[in-house]
Amino acid sequence: MKPVRLSASAVKDISAIGNDIAADKPKAAAGFVDHLIQRCHSLANAPEEYGLKPSYGPGVRGVTVPPCIVLYRIRERGILTLGVRHGARKPVAFK
């Protein structure tokens, strides 16, 4: 099992999502943020299970956590989460 590392960008995205939700529903925000983080770490169990998302860049895979998508790359030493995006937004490629 490869370790999962959250990039600074992914942490920033998760925090922003939590803040957006907290504006209306503070309790729901904390629960959703916890769920996102748990989902990121669960990628270690089967990182290749989720499909490639070429519109986000080469080698980028994604797992849906409605309404978001967790984007990551499988690396030799582990799994790197690149970011978390709202699924309805236009994809922006990672380098």
PDB file of N, CA and C in Angstrom:
ATOM      1  N   MET A   1       0.849  -1.173   0.000  1.00  0.00           N
ATOM      2  CA  MET A   1       0.000   0.000   0.000  1.00  0.00           C
ATOM      3  C   MET A   1       0.899   1.242   0.000  1.00  0.00           C
ATOM      4  N   LYS A   2       0.651   2.129  -0.965  1.00  0.00           N
ATOM      5  CA  LYS A   2       1.440   3.348  -1.081  1.00  0.00           C
ATOM      6  C   LYS A   2       0.856   4.437  -0.184  1.00  0.00           C
ATOM      7  N   PRO A   3       1.731   5.260   0.416  1.00  0.00           N
ATOM      8  CA  PRO A   3       1.214   6.357   1.245  1.00  0.00           C
ATOM      9  C   PRO A   3       0.583   7.456   0.401  1.00  0.00           C
ATOM     10  N   VAL A   4      -0.356   8.162   1.006  1.00  0.00           N
ATOM     11  CA  VAL A   4      -1.038   9.276   0.342  1.00  0.00           C
ATOM     12  C   VAL A   4      -0.533  10.576   0.966  1.00  0.00           C
ATOM     13  N   ARG A   5      -0.188  11.527   0.096  1.00  0.00           N
ATOM     14  CA  ARG A   5       0.236  12.848   0.559  1.00  0.00           C
ATOM     15  C   ARG A   5      -0.678  13.893  -0.054  1.00  0.00           C
ATOM     16  N   LEU A   6      -1.194  14.770   0.778  1.00  0.00           N
ATOM     17  CA  LEU A   6      -2.023  15.871   0.290  1.00  0.00           C
ATOM     18  C   LEU A   6      -1.110  17.037  -0.051  1.00  0.00           C
ATOM     19  N   SER A   7      -1.186  17.523  -1.275  1.00  0.00           N
ATOM     20  CA  SER A   7      -0.392  18.679  -1.677  1.00  0.00           C
ATOM     21  C   SER A   7      -0.920  19.926  -0.974  1.00  0.00           C
ATOM     22  N   ALA A   8      -0.097  20.970  -0.966  1.00  0.00           N
ATOM     23  CA  ALA A   8      -0.536  22.242  -0.385  1.00  0.00           C
ATOM     24  C   ALA A   8      -1.776  22.752  -1.110  1.00  0.00           C
ATOM     25  N   SER A   9      -1.821  22.532  -2.414  1.00  0.00           N
ATOM     26  CA  SER A   9      -2.972  22.959  -3.213  1.00  0.00           C
ATOM     27  C   SER A   9      -4.243  22.213  -2.796  1.00  0.00           C
ATOM     28  N   ALA A  10      -4.119  20.915  -2.552  1.00  0.00           N
ATOM     29  CA  ALA A  10      -5.276  20.122  -2.134  1.00  0.00           C
ATOM     30  C   ALA A  10      -5.769  20.574  -0.762  1.00  0.00           C
ATOM     31  N   VAL A  11      -4.843  20.837   0.146  1.00  0.00           N
ATOM     32  CA  VAL A  11      -5.222  21.303   1.484  1.00  0.00           C
ATOM     33  C   VAL A  11      -5.944  22.653   1.377  1.00  0.00           C
ATOM     34  N   LYS A  12      -5.433  23.524   0.529  1.00  0.00           N
ATOM     35  CA  LYS A  12      -6.057  24.838   0.319  1.00  0.00           C
ATOM     36  C   LYS A  12      -7.464  24.686  -0.264  1.00  0.00           C
ATOM     37  N   ASP A  13      -7.597  23.781  -1.249  1.00  0.00           N
ATOM     38  CA  ASP A  13      -8.914  23.542  -1.861  1.00  0.00           C
ATOM     39  C   ASP A  13      -9.916  23.021  -0.834  1.00  0.00           C
ATOM     40  N   ILE A  14      -9.497  22.061  -0.024  1.00  0.00           N
ATOM     41  CA  ILE A  14     -10.389  21.472   0.978  1.00  0.00           C
ATOM     42  C   ILE A  14     -10.804  22.531   1.997  1.00  0.00           C
ATOM     43  N   SER A  15      -9.854  23.349   2.408  1.00  0.00           N
ATOM     44  CA  SER A  15     -10.157  24.423   3.351  1.00  0.00           C
ATOM     45  C   SER A  15     -11.163  25.414   2.763  1.00  0.00           C
ATOM     46  N   ALA A  16     -10.973  25.786   1.502  1.00  0.00           N
ATOM     47  CA  ALA A  16     -11.891  26.722   0.840  1.00  0.00           C
ATOM     48  C   ALA A  16     -13.288  26.128   0.713  1.00  0.00           C
ATOM     49  N   ILE A  17     -13.363  24.854   0.395  1.00  0.00           N
ATOM     50  CA  ILE A  17     -14.662  24.173   0.292  1.00  0.00           C
ATOM     51  C   ILE A  17     -15.350  24.188   1.656  1.00  0.00           C
ATOM     52  N   GLY A  18     -14.594  23.873   2.696  1.00  0.00           N
ATOM     53  CA  GLY A  18     -15.148  23.899   4.047  1.00  0.00           C
ATOM     54  C   GLY A  18     -15.654  25.277   4.436  1.00  0.00           C
ATOM     55  N   ASN A  19     -14.888  26.308   4.099  1.00  0.00           N
ATOM     56  CA  ASN A  19     -15.305  27.680   4.415  1.00  0.00           C
ATOM     57  C   ASN A  19     -16.573  28.068   3.660  1.00  0.00           C
ATOM     58  N   ASP A  20     -16.665  27.649   2.408  1.00  0.00           N
ATOM     59  CA  ASP A  20     -17.866  27.950   1.618  1.00  0.00           C
ATOM     60  C   ASP A  20     -19.109  27.305   2.233  1.00  0.00           C
ATOM     61  N   ILE A  21     -18.982  26.052   2.623  1.00  0.00           N
ATOM     62  CA  ILE A  21     -20.118  25.347   3.222  1.00  0.00           C
ATOM     63  C   ILE A  21     -20.450  25.946   4.585  1.00  0.00           C
ATOM     64  N   ALA A  22     -19.415  26.308   5.349  1.00  0.00           N
ATOM     65  CA  ALA A  22     -19.605  26.818   6.706  1.00  0.00           C
ATOM     66  C   ALA A  22     -20.384  28.127   6.745  1.00  0.00           C
ATOM     67  N   ALA A  23     -20.369  28.860   5.657  1.00  0.00           N
ATOM     68  CA  ALA A  23     -21.119  30.118   5.615  1.00  0.00           C
ATOM     69  C   ALA A  23     -22.602  29.879   5.880  1.00  0.00           C
ATOM     70  N   ASP A  24     -23.115  28.726   5.450  1.00  0.00           N
ATOM     71  CA  ASP A  24     -24.528  28.399   5.650  1.00  0.00           C
ATOM     72  C   ASP A  24     -24.752  27.277   6.663  1.00  0.00           C
ATOM     73  N   LYS A  25     -23.839  26.319   6.687  1.00  0.00           N
ATOM     74  CA  LYS A  25     -24.043  25.124   7.512  1.00  0.00           C
ATOM     75  C   LYS A  25     -22.729  24.712   8.183  1.00  0.00           C
ATOM     76  N   PRO A  26     -22.358  25.330   9.298  1.00  0.00           N
ATOM     77  CA  PRO A  26     -21.075  25.042   9.950  1.00  0.00           C
ATOM     78  C   PRO A  26     -20.860  23.571  10.316  1.00  0.00           C
ATOM     79  N   LYS A  27     -21.886  22.912  10.852  1.00  0.00           N
ATOM     80  CA  LYS A  27     -21.731  21.503  11.235  1.00  0.00           C
ATOM     81  C   LYS A  27     -21.530  20.621  10.012  1.00  0.00           C
ATOM     82  N   ALA A  28     -22.257  20.907   8.961  1.00  0.00           N
ATOM     83  CA  ALA A  28     -22.121  20.125   7.731  1.00  0.00           C
ATOM     84  C   ALA A  28     -20.730  20.319   7.129  1.00  0.00           C
ATOM     85  N   ALA A  29     -20.185  21.509   7.263  1.00  0.00           N
ATOM     86  CA  ALA A  29     -18.866  21.810   6.693  1.00  0.00           C
ATOM     87  C   ALA A  29     -17.797  20.918   7.315  1.00  0.00           C
ATOM     88  N   ALA A  30     -17.793  20.829   8.624  1.00  0.00           N
ATOM     89  CA  ALA A  30     -16.792  20.011   9.307  1.00  0.00           C
ATOM     90  C   ALA A  30     -16.901  18.547   8.892  1.00  0.00           C
ATOM     91  N   GLY A  31     -18.113  18.052   8.806  1.00  0.00           N
ATOM     92  CA  GLY A  31     -18.325  16.655   8.397  1.00  0.00           C
ATOM     93  C   GLY A  31     -17.877  16.396   6.974  1.00  0.00           C
ATOM     94  N   PHE A  32     -18.164  17.329   6.073  1.00  0.00           N
ATOM     95  CA  PHE A  32     -17.780  17.131   4.674  1.00  0.00           C
ATOM     96  C   PHE A  32     -16.268  17.211   4.504  1.00  0.00           C
ATOM     97  N   VAL A  33     -15.634  18.143   5.208  1.00  0.00           N
ATOM     98  CA  VAL A  33     -14.174  18.248   5.144  1.00  0.00           C
ATOM     99  C   VAL A  33     -13.543  16.948   5.655  1.00  0.00           C
ATOM    100  N   ASP A  34     -14.025  16.429   6.762  1.00  0.00           N
ATOM    101  CA  ASP A  34     -13.509  15.154   7.281  1.00  0.00           C
ATOM    102  C   ASP A  34     -13.696  14.040   6.264  1.00  0.00           C
ATOM    103  N   HIS A  35     -14.856  14.013   5.628  1.00  0.00           N
ATOM    104  CA  HIS A  35     -15.147  12.992   4.615  1.00  0.00           C
ATOM    105  C   HIS A  35     -14.168  13.106   3.437  1.00  0.00           C
ATOM    106  N   LEU A  36     -13.910  14.322   2.975  1.00  0.00           N
ATOM    107  CA  LEU A  36     -12.965  14.522   1.869  1.00  0.00           C
ATOM    108  C   LEU A  36     -11.568  14.025   2.237  1.00  0.00           C
ATOM    109  N   ILE A  37     -11.118  14.370   3.426  1.00  0.00           N
ATOM    110  CA  ILE A  37      -9.776  13.962   3.857  1.00  0.00           C
ATOM    111  C   ILE A  37      -9.695  12.439   3.987  1.00  0.00           C
ATOM    112  N   GLN A  38     -10.718  11.820   4.558  1.00  0.00           N
ATOM    113  CA  GLN A  38     -10.743  10.355   4.671  1.00  0.00           C
ATOM    114  C   GLN A  38     -10.724   9.701   3.293  1.00  0.00           C
ATOM    115  N   ARG A  39     -11.475  10.300   2.366  1.00  0.00           N
ATOM    116  CA  ARG A  39     -11.533   9.748   1.003  1.00  0.00           C
ATOM    117  C   ARG A  39     -10.172   9.847   0.330  1.00  0.00           C
ATOM    118  N   CYS A  40      -9.482  10.951   0.546  1.00  0.00           N
ATOM    119  CA  CYS A  40      -8.130  11.100  -0.008  1.00  0.00           C
ATOM    120  C   CYS A  40      -7.222   9.977   0.506  1.00  0.00           C
ATOM    121  N   HIS A  41      -7.236   9.749   1.802  1.00  0.00           N
ATOM    122  CA  HIS A  41      -6.363   8.728   2.383  1.00  0.00           C
ATOM    123  C   HIS A  41      -6.782   7.313   1.994  1.00  0.00           C
ATOM    124  N   SER A  42      -8.046   7.122   1.690  1.00  0.00           N
ATOM    125  CA  SER A  42      -8.505   5.786   1.285  1.00  0.00           C
ATOM    126  C   SER A  42      -7.995   5.401  -0.109  1.00  0.00           C
ATOM    127  N   LEU A  43      -7.469   6.366  -0.849  1.00  0.00           N
ATOM    128  CA  LEU A  43      -6.911   6.055  -2.175  1.00  0.00           C
ATOM    129  C   LEU A  43      -5.769   5.052  -2.077  1.00  0.00           C
ATOM    130  N   ALA A  44      -5.126   4.980  -0.935  1.00  0.00           N
ATOM    131  CA  ALA A  44      -4.022   4.047  -0.733  1.00  0.00           C
ATOM    132  C   ALA A  44      -4.458   2.598  -0.944  1.00  0.00           C
ATOM    133  N   ASN A  45      -5.728   2.312  -0.713  1.00  0.00           N
ATOM    134  CA  ASN A  45      -6.237   0.942  -0.829  1.00  0.00           C
ATOM    135  C   ASN A  45      -6.324   0.450  -2.270  1.00  0.00           C
ATOM    136  N   ALA A  46      -6.625   1.324  -3.200  1.00  0.00           N
ATOM    137  CA  ALA A  46      -6.784   0.913  -4.608  1.00  0.00           C
ATOM    138  C   ALA A  46      -6.636   2.134  -5.520  1.00  0.00           C
ATOM    139  N   PRO A  47      -5.439   2.700  -5.626  1.00  0.00           N
ATOM    140  CA  PRO A  47      -5.274   3.938  -6.393  1.00  0.00           C
ATOM    141  C   PRO A  47      -5.560   3.806  -7.883  1.00  0.00           C
ATOM    142  N   GLU A  48      -5.382   2.629  -8.435  1.00  0.00           N
ATOM    143  CA  GLU A  48      -5.598   2.444  -9.870  1.00  0.00           C
ATOM    144  C   GLU A  48      -7.058   2.141 -10.209  1.00  0.00           C
ATOM    145  N   GLU A  49      -7.889   2.054  -9.194  1.00  0.00           N
ATOM    146  CA  GLU A  49      -9.307   1.742  -9.399  1.00  0.00           C
ATOM    147  C   GLU A  49     -10.046   2.867 -10.121  1.00  0.00           C
ATOM    148  N   TYR A  50      -9.567   4.084  -9.977  1.00  0.00           N
ATOM    149  CA  TYR A  50     -10.261   5.243 -10.529  1.00  0.00           C
ATOM    150  C   TYR A  50      -9.618   5.676 -11.834  1.00  0.00           C
ATOM    151  N   GLY A  51     -10.455   6.130 -12.753  1.00  0.00           N
ATOM    152  CA  GLY A  51     -10.022   6.415 -14.105  1.00  0.00           C
ATOM    153  C   GLY A  51      -9.176   7.655 -14.270  1.00  0.00           C
ATOM    154  N   LEU A  52      -8.481   7.657 -15.395  1.00  0.00           N
ATOM    155  CA  LEU A  52      -7.685   8.817 -15.780  1.00  0.00           C
ATOM    156  C   LEU A  52      -8.600   9.968 -16.165  1.00  0.00           C
ATOM    157  N   LYS A  53      -8.153  11.167 -15.882  1.00  0.00           N
ATOM    158  CA  LYS A  53      -8.887  12.392 -16.201  1.00  0.00           C
ATOM    159  C   LYS A  53      -7.973  13.278 -17.047  1.00  0.00           C
ATOM    160  N   PRO A  54      -7.810  12.956 -18.343  1.00  0.00           N
ATOM    161  CA  PRO A  54      -6.846  13.667 -19.182  1.00  0.00           C
ATOM    162  C   PRO A  54      -7.087  15.165 -19.290  1.00  0.00           C
ATOM    163  N   SER A  55      -8.304  15.623 -19.067  1.00  0.00           N
ATOM    164  CA  SER A  55      -8.567  17.063 -19.143  1.00  0.00           C
ATOM    165  C   SER A  55      -7.903  17.814 -17.985  1.00  0.00           C
ATOM    166  N   TYR A  56      -7.458  17.089 -16.959  1.00  0.00           N
ATOM    167  CA  TYR A  56      -6.757  17.705 -15.825  1.00  0.00           C
ATOM    168  C   TYR A  56      -5.241  17.569 -15.937  1.00  0.00           C
ATOM    169  N   GLY A  57      -4.769  16.871 -16.965  1.00  0.00           N
ATOM    170  CA  GLY A  57      -3.333  16.733 -17.170  1.00  0.00           C
ATOM    171  C   GLY A  57      -2.927  15.277 -17.298  1.00  0.00           C
ATOM    172  N   PRO A  58      -1.693  15.049 -17.749  1.00  0.00           N
ATOM    173  CA  PRO A  58      -1.213  13.677 -17.944  1.00  0.00           C
ATOM    174  C   PRO A  58      -1.082  12.919 -16.623  1.00  0.00           C
ATOM    175  N   GLY A  59      -1.583  11.706 -16.634  1.00  0.00           N
ATOM    176  CA  GLY A  59      -1.472  10.839 -15.470  1.00  0.00           C
ATOM    177  C   GLY A  59      -2.375  11.199 -14.299  1.00  0.00           C
ATOM    178  N   VAL A  60      -3.273  12.160 -14.488  1.00  0.00           N
ATOM    179  CA  VAL A  60      -4.159  12.576 -13.399  1.00  0.00           C
ATOM    180  C   VAL A  60      -5.375  11.656 -13.359  1.00  0.00           C
ATOM    181  N   ARG A  61      -5.666  11.174 -12.171  1.00  0.00           N
ATOM    182  CA  ARG A  61      -6.837  10.333 -11.927  1.00  0.00           C
ATOM    183  C   ARG A  61      -7.782  11.092 -11.007  1.00  0.00           C
ATOM    184  N   GLY A  62      -9.025  10.657 -10.953  1.00  0.00           N
ATOM    185  CA  GLY A  62      -9.969  11.345 -10.088  1.00  0.00           C
ATOM    186  C   GLY A  62     -11.000  10.425  -9.494  1.00  0.00           C
ATOM    187  N   VAL A  63     -11.366  10.737  -8.275  1.00  0.00           N
ATOM    188  CA  VAL A  63     -12.437  10.025  -7.590  1.00  0.00           C
ATOM    189  C   VAL A  63     -13.482  11.059  -7.193  1.00  0.00           C
ATOM    190  N   THR A  64     -14.728  10.747  -7.478  1.00  0.00           N
ATOM    191  CA  THR A  64     -15.818  11.669  -7.199  1.00  0.00           C
ATOM    192  C   THR A  64     -16.280  11.536  -5.751  1.00  0.00           C
ATOM    193  N   VAL A  65     -16.392  12.691  -5.108  1.00  0.00           N
ATOM    194  CA  VAL A  65     -16.978  12.817  -3.780  1.00  0.00           C
ATOM    195  C   VAL A  65     -17.994  13.945  -3.944  1.00  0.00           C
ATOM    196  N   PRO A  66     -19.211  13.599  -4.398  1.00  0.00           N
ATOM    197  CA  PRO A  66     -20.173  14.613  -4.818  1.00  0.00           C
ATOM    198  C   PRO A  66     -20.303  15.781  -3.837  1.00  0.00           C
ATOM    199  N   PRO A  67     -20.281  16.988  -4.356  1.00  0.00           N
ATOM    200  CA  PRO A  67     -20.207  17.399  -5.752  1.00  0.00           C
ATOM    201  C   PRO A  67     -18.773  17.645  -6.238  1.00  0.00           C
ATOM    202  N   CYS A  68     -17.801  17.127  -5.513  1.00  0.00           N
ATOM    203  CA  CYS A  68     -16.396  17.399  -5.821  1.00  0.00           C
ATOM    204  C   CYS A  68     -15.717  16.211  -6.486  1.00  0.00           C
ATOM    205  N   ILE A  69     -14.531  16.493  -7.000  1.00  0.00           N
ATOM    206  CA  ILE A  69     -13.686  15.440  -7.535  1.00  0.00           C
ATOM    207  C   ILE A  69     -12.287  15.622  -6.938  1.00  0.00           C
ATOM    208  N   VAL A  70     -11.764  14.559  -6.356  1.00  0.00           N
ATOM    209  CA  VAL A  70     -10.412  14.550  -5.797  1.00  0.00           C
ATOM    210  C   VAL A  70      -9.480  14.091  -6.906  1.00  0.00           C
ATOM    211  N   LEU A  71      -8.512  14.927  -7.236  1.00  0.00           N
ATOM    212  CA  LEU A  71      -7.592  14.647  -8.338  1.00  0.00           C
ATOM    213  C   LEU A  71      -6.226  14.264  -7.778  1.00  0.00           C
ATOM    214  N   TYR A  72      -5.631  13.224  -8.361  1.00  0.00           N
ATOM    215  CA  TYR A  72      -4.371  12.716  -7.825  1.00  0.00           C
ATOM    216  C   TYR A  72      -3.539  12.049  -8.911  1.00  0.00           C
ATOM    217  N   ARG A  73      -2.281  11.853  -8.585  1.00  0.00           N
ATOM    218  CA  ARG A  73      -1.370  11.095  -9.449  1.00  0.00           C
ATOM    219  C   ARG A  73      -0.741   9.987  -8.621  1.00  0.00           C
ATOM    220  N   ILE A  74      -0.546   8.857  -9.268  1.00  0.00           N
ATOM    221  CA  ILE A  74       0.164   7.746  -8.647  1.00  0.00           C
ATOM    222  C   ILE A  74       1.638   7.942  -8.994  1.00  0.00           C
ATOM    223  N   ARG A  75       2.441   7.999  -7.973  1.00  0.00           N
ATOM    224  CA  ARG A  75       3.885   8.174  -8.150  1.00  0.00           C
ATOM    225  C   ARG A  75       4.586   6.910  -7.669  1.00  0.00           C
ATOM    226  N   GLU A  76       5.859   6.826  -7.967  1.00  0.00           N
ATOM    227  CA  GLU A  76       6.626   5.644  -7.573  1.00  0.00           C
ATOM    228  C   GLU A  76       6.601   5.439  -6.064  1.00  0.00           C
ATOM    229  N   ARG A  77       6.722   6.523  -5.311  1.00  0.00           N
ATOM    230  CA  ARG A  77       6.801   6.425  -3.857  1.00  0.00           C
ATOM    231  C   ARG A  77       5.463   6.592  -3.141  1.00  0.00           C
ATOM    232  N   GLY A  78       4.421   6.916  -3.870  1.00  0.00           N
ATOM    233  CA  GLY A  78       3.142   7.099  -3.204  1.00  0.00           C
ATOM    234  C   GLY A  78       2.131   7.798  -4.090  1.00  0.00           C
ATOM    235  N   ILE A  79       1.085   8.252  -3.471  1.00  0.00           N
ATOM    236  CA  ILE A  79      -0.015   8.909  -4.173  1.00  0.00           C
ATOM    237  C   ILE A  79      -0.024  10.368  -3.744  1.00  0.00           C
ATOM    238  N   LEU A  80      -0.063  11.256  -4.725  1.00  0.00           N
ATOM    239  CA  LEU A  80      -0.084  12.685  -4.451  1.00  0.00           C
ATOM    240  C   LEU A  80      -1.426  13.265  -4.866  1.00  0.00           C
ATOM    241  N   THR A  81      -2.177  13.781  -3.900  1.00  0.00           N
ATOM    242  CA  THR A  81      -3.416  14.469  -4.240  1.00  0.00           C
ATOM    243  C   THR A  81      -3.033  15.853  -4.745  1.00  0.00           C
ATOM    244  N   LEU A  82      -3.562  16.198  -5.899  1.00  0.00           N
ATOM    245  CA  LEU A  82      -3.213  17.453  -6.552  1.00  0.00           C
ATOM    246  C   LEU A  82      -4.161  18.575  -6.178  1.00  0.00           C
ATOM    247  N   GLY A  83      -5.418  18.244  -6.017  1.00  0.00           N
ATOM    248  CA  GLY A  83      -6.409  19.250  -5.696  1.00  0.00           C
ATOM    249  C   GLY A  83      -7.787  18.634  -5.611  1.00  0.00           C
ATOM    250  N   VAL A  84      -8.724  19.451  -5.182  1.00  0.00           N
ATOM    251  CA  VAL A  84     -10.131  19.048  -5.097  1.00  0.00           C
ATOM    252  C   VAL A  84     -10.926  20.129  -5.812  1.00  0.00           C
ATOM    253  N   ARG A  85     -11.680  19.726  -6.809  1.00  0.00           N
ATOM    254  CA  ARG A  85     -12.434  20.681  -7.620  1.00  0.00           C
ATOM    255  C   ARG A  85     -13.921  20.351  -7.572  1.00  0.00           C
ATOM    256  N   HIS A  86     -14.730  21.362  -7.798  1.00  0.00           N
ATOM    257  CA  HIS A  86     -16.163  21.138  -7.937  1.00  0.00           C
ATOM    258  C   HIS A  86     -16.367  20.460  -9.288  1.00  0.00           C
ATOM    259  N   GLY A  87     -17.115  19.399  -9.316  1.00  0.00           N
ATOM    260  CA  GLY A  87     -17.294  18.617 -10.524  1.00  0.00           C
ATOM    261  C   GLY A  87     -17.952  19.355 -11.685  1.00  0.00           C
ATOM    262  N   ALA A  88     -18.680  20.424 -11.413  1.00  0.00           N
ATOM    263  CA  ALA A  88     -19.375  21.147 -12.482  1.00  0.00           C
ATOM    264  C   ALA A  88     -18.506  22.239 -13.106  1.00  0.00           C
ATOM    265  N   ARG A  89     -17.346  22.504 -12.521  1.00  0.00           N
ATOM    266  CA  ARG A  89     -16.474  23.561 -13.048  1.00  0.00           C
ATOM    267  C   ARG A  89     -15.622  23.041 -14.202  1.00  0.00           C
ATOM    268  N   LYS A  90     -15.230  23.968 -15.051  1.00  0.00           N
ATOM    269  CA  LYS A  90     -14.372  23.634 -16.183  1.00  0.00           C
ATOM    270  C   LYS A  90     -13.030  23.128 -15.672  1.00  0.00           C
ATOM    271  N   PRO A  91     -12.540  21.995 -16.197  1.00  0.00           N
ATOM    272  CA  PRO A  91     -11.259  21.457 -15.755  1.00  0.00           C
ATOM    273  C   PRO A  91     -10.093  22.403 -16.072  1.00  0.00           C
ATOM    274  N   VAL A  92      -9.165  22.473 -15.142  1.00  0.00           N
ATOM    275  CA  VAL A  92      -7.909  23.207 -15.319  1.00  0.00           C
ATOM    276  C   VAL A  92      -6.808  22.180 -15.107  1.00  0.00           C
ATOM    277  N   ALA A  93      -5.911  22.071 -16.086  1.00  0.00           N
ATOM    278  CA  ALA A  93      -4.873  21.039 -16.049  1.00  0.00           C
ATOM    279  C   ALA A  93      -3.796  21.342 -15.011  1.00  0.00           C
ATOM    280  N   PHE A  94      -3.316  20.278 -14.378  1.00  0.00           N
ATOM    281  CA  PHE A  94      -2.173  20.343 -13.471  1.00  0.00           C
ATOM    282  C   PHE A  94      -0.919  20.056 -14.288  1.00  0.00           C
ATOM    283  N   LYS A  95       0.174  20.631 -13.896  1.00  0.00           N
ATOM    284  CA  LYS A  95       1.450  20.402 -14.588  1.00  0.00           C
ATOM    285  C   LYS A  95       2.007  19.058 -14.232  1.00  0.00           C
TER     286      LYS A  95
END
